[in-house]
Amino acid sequence: DATLARTATPIAVHPKALSKILHSELGANTLISMKLAGGADAKVLIKEYQIDPVTHQILHADFYRVAMDKLLRVTIPVVVKGEPKGVKQQGGILEFIRREIEVECLPGDIPEHVEVDVSELMLHEGVRVRDLAVDPKWKAVSEAELMLVHVIMPKAEEAPAATDAAAAAAP
């Protein structure tokens, strides 16, 4: 029903229960079964929420109803697995470029995270969205060329004394 989808229904939820959901693995991507008075169970996701900056209590949350058979887009965190060879053997450092990506999936298939194995990465190598393992339950919709993580050389800081000595020696 298109009219029902556009109307907002004010509801009250227990703040501790909502806080527990937000601190779970899926966080705001947790599919919530909500029993509304006089209606059937509704499957909802958290659209946005407000937290008191002092007490950290939840002040307000907006939910949206989802159809279990329709694809939706959600943002999920990128989790790194392993220690790159370029760090262990070549003295590089692993740098995160993006800590999350956008995926498309059914509401019941929302992944907690996407795992990126970086153990084979050497210096100047990285993992892009296109390099992620294919999963039949979800599809990455972030740009395929987006770099997620890469191994780079640490930046060497110049010693100020060496710079001064070089300037004094120049004619």
Protein backbone atom coordinates (compact mmCIF):
# COMPACT_ATOMS: atom_id res chain seq x y z
CA ASP A 1 0.00 0.00 0.00
CA ALA A 2 1.69 3.23 -1.19
CA THR A 3 -0.23 5.41 1.29
CA LEU A 4 0.91 3.32 4.24
CA ALA A 5 4.54 3.51 3.12
CA ARG A 6 4.50 7.33 3.19
CA THR A 7 2.77 7.87 6.51
CA ALA A 8 4.74 8.10 9.72
CA THR A 9 3.41 6.36 12.81
CA PRO A 10 4.73 7.63 16.15
CA ILE A 11 5.73 4.76 18.43
CA ALA A 12 7.55 4.36 21.72
CA VAL A 13 10.32 1.80 22.14
CA HIS A 14 12.37 0.86 25.15
CA PRO A 15 15.66 2.86 24.91
CA LYS A 16 17.76 0.09 26.51
CA ALA A 17 16.54 -2.46 23.97
CA LEU A 18 17.33 -0.07 21.11
CA SER A 19 20.75 0.72 22.58
CA LYS A 20 21.51 -3.00 22.79
CA ILE A 21 20.63 -3.38 19.10
CA LEU A 22 22.82 -0.42 18.11
CA HIS A 23 25.80 -1.90 20.00
CA SER A 24 25.40 -5.34 18.41
CA GLU A 25 27.52 -6.64 15.49
CA LEU A 26 25.04 -5.44 12.87
CA GLY A 27 24.27 -2.19 14.68
CA ALA A 28 21.87 0.01 12.70
CA ASN A 29 21.69 -2.71 10.02
CA THR A 30 19.88 -5.08 12.43
CA LEU A 31 16.57 -6.28 11.03
CA ILE A 32 14.01 -5.64 13.79
CA SER A 33 10.66 -7.36 14.14
CA MET A 34 8.24 -4.77 15.51
CA LYS A 35 4.76 -5.59 16.76
CA LEU A 36 2.48 -2.61 16.22
CA ALA A 37 -0.81 -2.27 18.10
CA GLY A 38 -3.67 -3.63 16.03
CA GLY A 39 -1.38 -4.86 13.26
CA ALA A 40 0.86 -7.68 12.23
CA ASP A 41 4.59 -7.86 12.82
CA ALA A 42 6.53 -5.37 10.72
CA LYS A 43 10.16 -5.82 9.71
CA VAL A 44 12.01 -2.52 10.14
CA LEU A 45 15.51 -1.06 10.01
CA ILE A 46 16.81 1.98 11.85
CA LYS A 47 16.94 4.92 9.45
CA GLU A 48 18.60 7.37 11.82
CA TYR A 49 18.86 8.09 15.52
CA GLN A 50 19.84 10.86 17.93
CA ILE A 51 21.92 10.42 21.07
CA ASP A 52 22.23 12.89 23.94
CA PRO A 53 25.84 14.20 23.79
CA VAL A 54 26.18 14.25 27.58
CA THR A 55 24.30 11.19 28.84
CA HIS A 56 24.66 9.11 25.64
CA GLN A 57 20.99 8.12 26.00
CA ILE A 58 18.95 7.59 22.84
CA LEU A 59 16.65 10.55 22.36
CA HIS A 60 14.92 9.67 19.10
CA ALA A 61 14.97 7.06 16.35
CA ASP A 62 13.37 6.78 12.94
CA PHE A 63 12.55 3.36 11.54
CA TYR A 64 11.51 2.32 8.08
CA ARG A 65 9.51 -0.73 7.10
CA VAL A 66 11.19 -3.12 4.67
CA ALA A 67 9.75 -5.70 2.30
CA MET A 68 11.61 -8.97 2.83
CA ASP A 69 11.58 -9.76 -0.91
CA LYS A 70 12.95 -6.41 -2.16
CA LEU A 71 16.64 -5.55 -2.49
CA LEU A 72 17.93 -2.66 -0.42
CA ARG A 73 21.24 -0.84 -0.07
CA VAL A 74 23.11 -0.72 3.23
CA THR A 75 26.55 0.38 4.34
CA ILE A 76 28.67 -2.28 6.05
CA PRO A 77 32.10 -2.11 7.71
CA VAL A 78 35.29 -3.46 6.14
CA VAL A 79 37.25 -5.76 8.51
CA VAL A 80 40.90 -6.63 7.83
CA LYS A 81 42.20 -10.18 8.38
CA GLY A 82 45.89 -11.09 8.55
CA GLU A 83 49.17 -9.19 8.58
CA PRO A 84 50.51 -8.15 5.18
CA LYS A 85 53.85 -9.54 3.99
CA GLY A 86 54.69 -6.00 2.91
CA VAL A 87 54.53 -4.95 6.57
CA LYS A 88 56.41 -7.95 8.03
CA GLN A 89 59.08 -8.31 5.33
CA GLN A 90 59.38 -4.88 3.72
CA GLY A 91 58.77 -2.45 6.59
CA GLY A 92 55.60 -0.95 5.10
CA ILE A 93 52.45 0.09 6.93
CA LEU A 94 48.85 -0.90 6.21
CA GLU A 95 46.72 2.14 5.49
CA PHE A 96 42.90 2.14 5.47
CA ILE A 97 41.38 4.23 2.71
CA ARG A 98 37.75 3.18 3.25
CA ARG A 99 36.39 1.50 6.35
CA GLU A 100 32.98 0.72 4.88
CA ILE A 101 31.30 -0.10 1.58
CA GLU A 102 27.77 -0.04 0.24
CA VAL A 103 26.14 -3.35 -0.69
CA GLU A 104 22.82 -4.44 -2.15
CA CYS A 105 21.00 -7.42 -0.64
CA LEU A 106 17.72 -8.71 0.70
CA PRO A 107 16.89 -7.52 4.24
CA GLY A 108 17.38 -11.02 5.67
CA ASP A 109 20.87 -11.29 4.14
CA ILE A 110 22.52 -8.12 5.49
CA PRO A 111 26.14 -9.07 6.32
CA GLU A 112 27.74 -7.94 9.58
CA HIS A 113 30.87 -6.91 7.67
CA VAL A 114 33.01 -7.72 4.68
CA GLU A 115 36.29 -9.43 5.49
CA VAL A 116 39.42 -8.49 3.55
CA ASP A 117 42.41 -10.84 3.74
CA VAL A 118 45.54 -8.69 3.47
CA SER A 119 48.16 -11.33 4.35
CA GLU A 120 49.55 -11.57 0.78
CA LEU A 121 49.82 -7.81 0.19
CA MET A 122 53.32 -6.55 -0.56
CA LEU A 123 54.53 -2.94 -0.56
CA HIS A 124 52.53 -0.73 -2.97
CA GLU A 125 49.75 -3.34 -3.32
CA GLY A 126 46.17 -2.89 -2.21
CA VAL A 127 42.65 -4.25 -2.21
CA ARG A 128 39.92 -2.52 -4.21
CA VAL A 129 36.16 -3.14 -4.10
CA ARG A 130 36.49 -5.22 -7.32
CA ASP A 131 38.92 -7.57 -5.47
CA LEU A 132 36.40 -8.60 -2.80
CA ALA A 133 35.29 -12.22 -2.72
CA VAL A 134 31.96 -12.74 -4.50
CA ASP A 135 29.10 -13.59 -2.16
CA PRO A 136 25.79 -14.93 -3.51
CA LYS A 137 23.79 -13.12 -0.81
CA TRP A 138 25.01 -9.57 -1.52
CA LYS A 139 26.60 -7.47 -4.24
CA ALA A 140 28.97 -4.53 -3.71
CA VAL A 141 27.55 -1.36 -5.25
CA SER A 142 30.39 0.97 -4.25
CA GLU A 143 32.59 1.94 -7.22
CA ALA A 144 34.69 -1.10 -8.26
CA GLU A 145 37.92 0.93 -8.43
CA LEU A 146 37.63 2.33 -4.88
CA MET A 147 40.72 1.40 -2.86
CA LEU A 148 39.90 -0.10 0.55
CA VAL A 149 43.36 -0.76 2.04
CA HIS A 150 46.94 -0.68 0.75
CA VAL A 151 50.50 -1.14 1.99
CA ILE A 152 52.66 1.97 1.76
CA MET A 153 56.13 3.05 2.84
CA PRO A 154 56.16 5.03 6.09
CA LYS A 155 56.90 8.69 5.50
CA ALA A 156 60.41 9.55 6.70
CA GLU A 157 60.62 12.81 8.58
CA GLU A 158 63.51 15.05 7.59
CA ALA A 159 65.74 16.10 10.42
CA PRO A 160 65.69 19.91 10.70
CA ALA A 161 69.46 20.01 11.33
CA ALA A 162 70.20 18.26 8.02
CA THR A 163 68.07 20.80 6.16
CA ASP A 164 69.82 23.75 7.85
CA ALA A 165 73.28 22.32 7.09
CA ALA A 166 72.37 21.81 3.42
CA ALA A 167 71.04 25.40 3.16
CA ALA A 168 74.22 26.81 4.76
CA ALA A 169 76.43 24.85 2.33
CA ALA A 170 74.55 26.14 -0.73
CA PRO A 171 76.14 29.20 -2.40
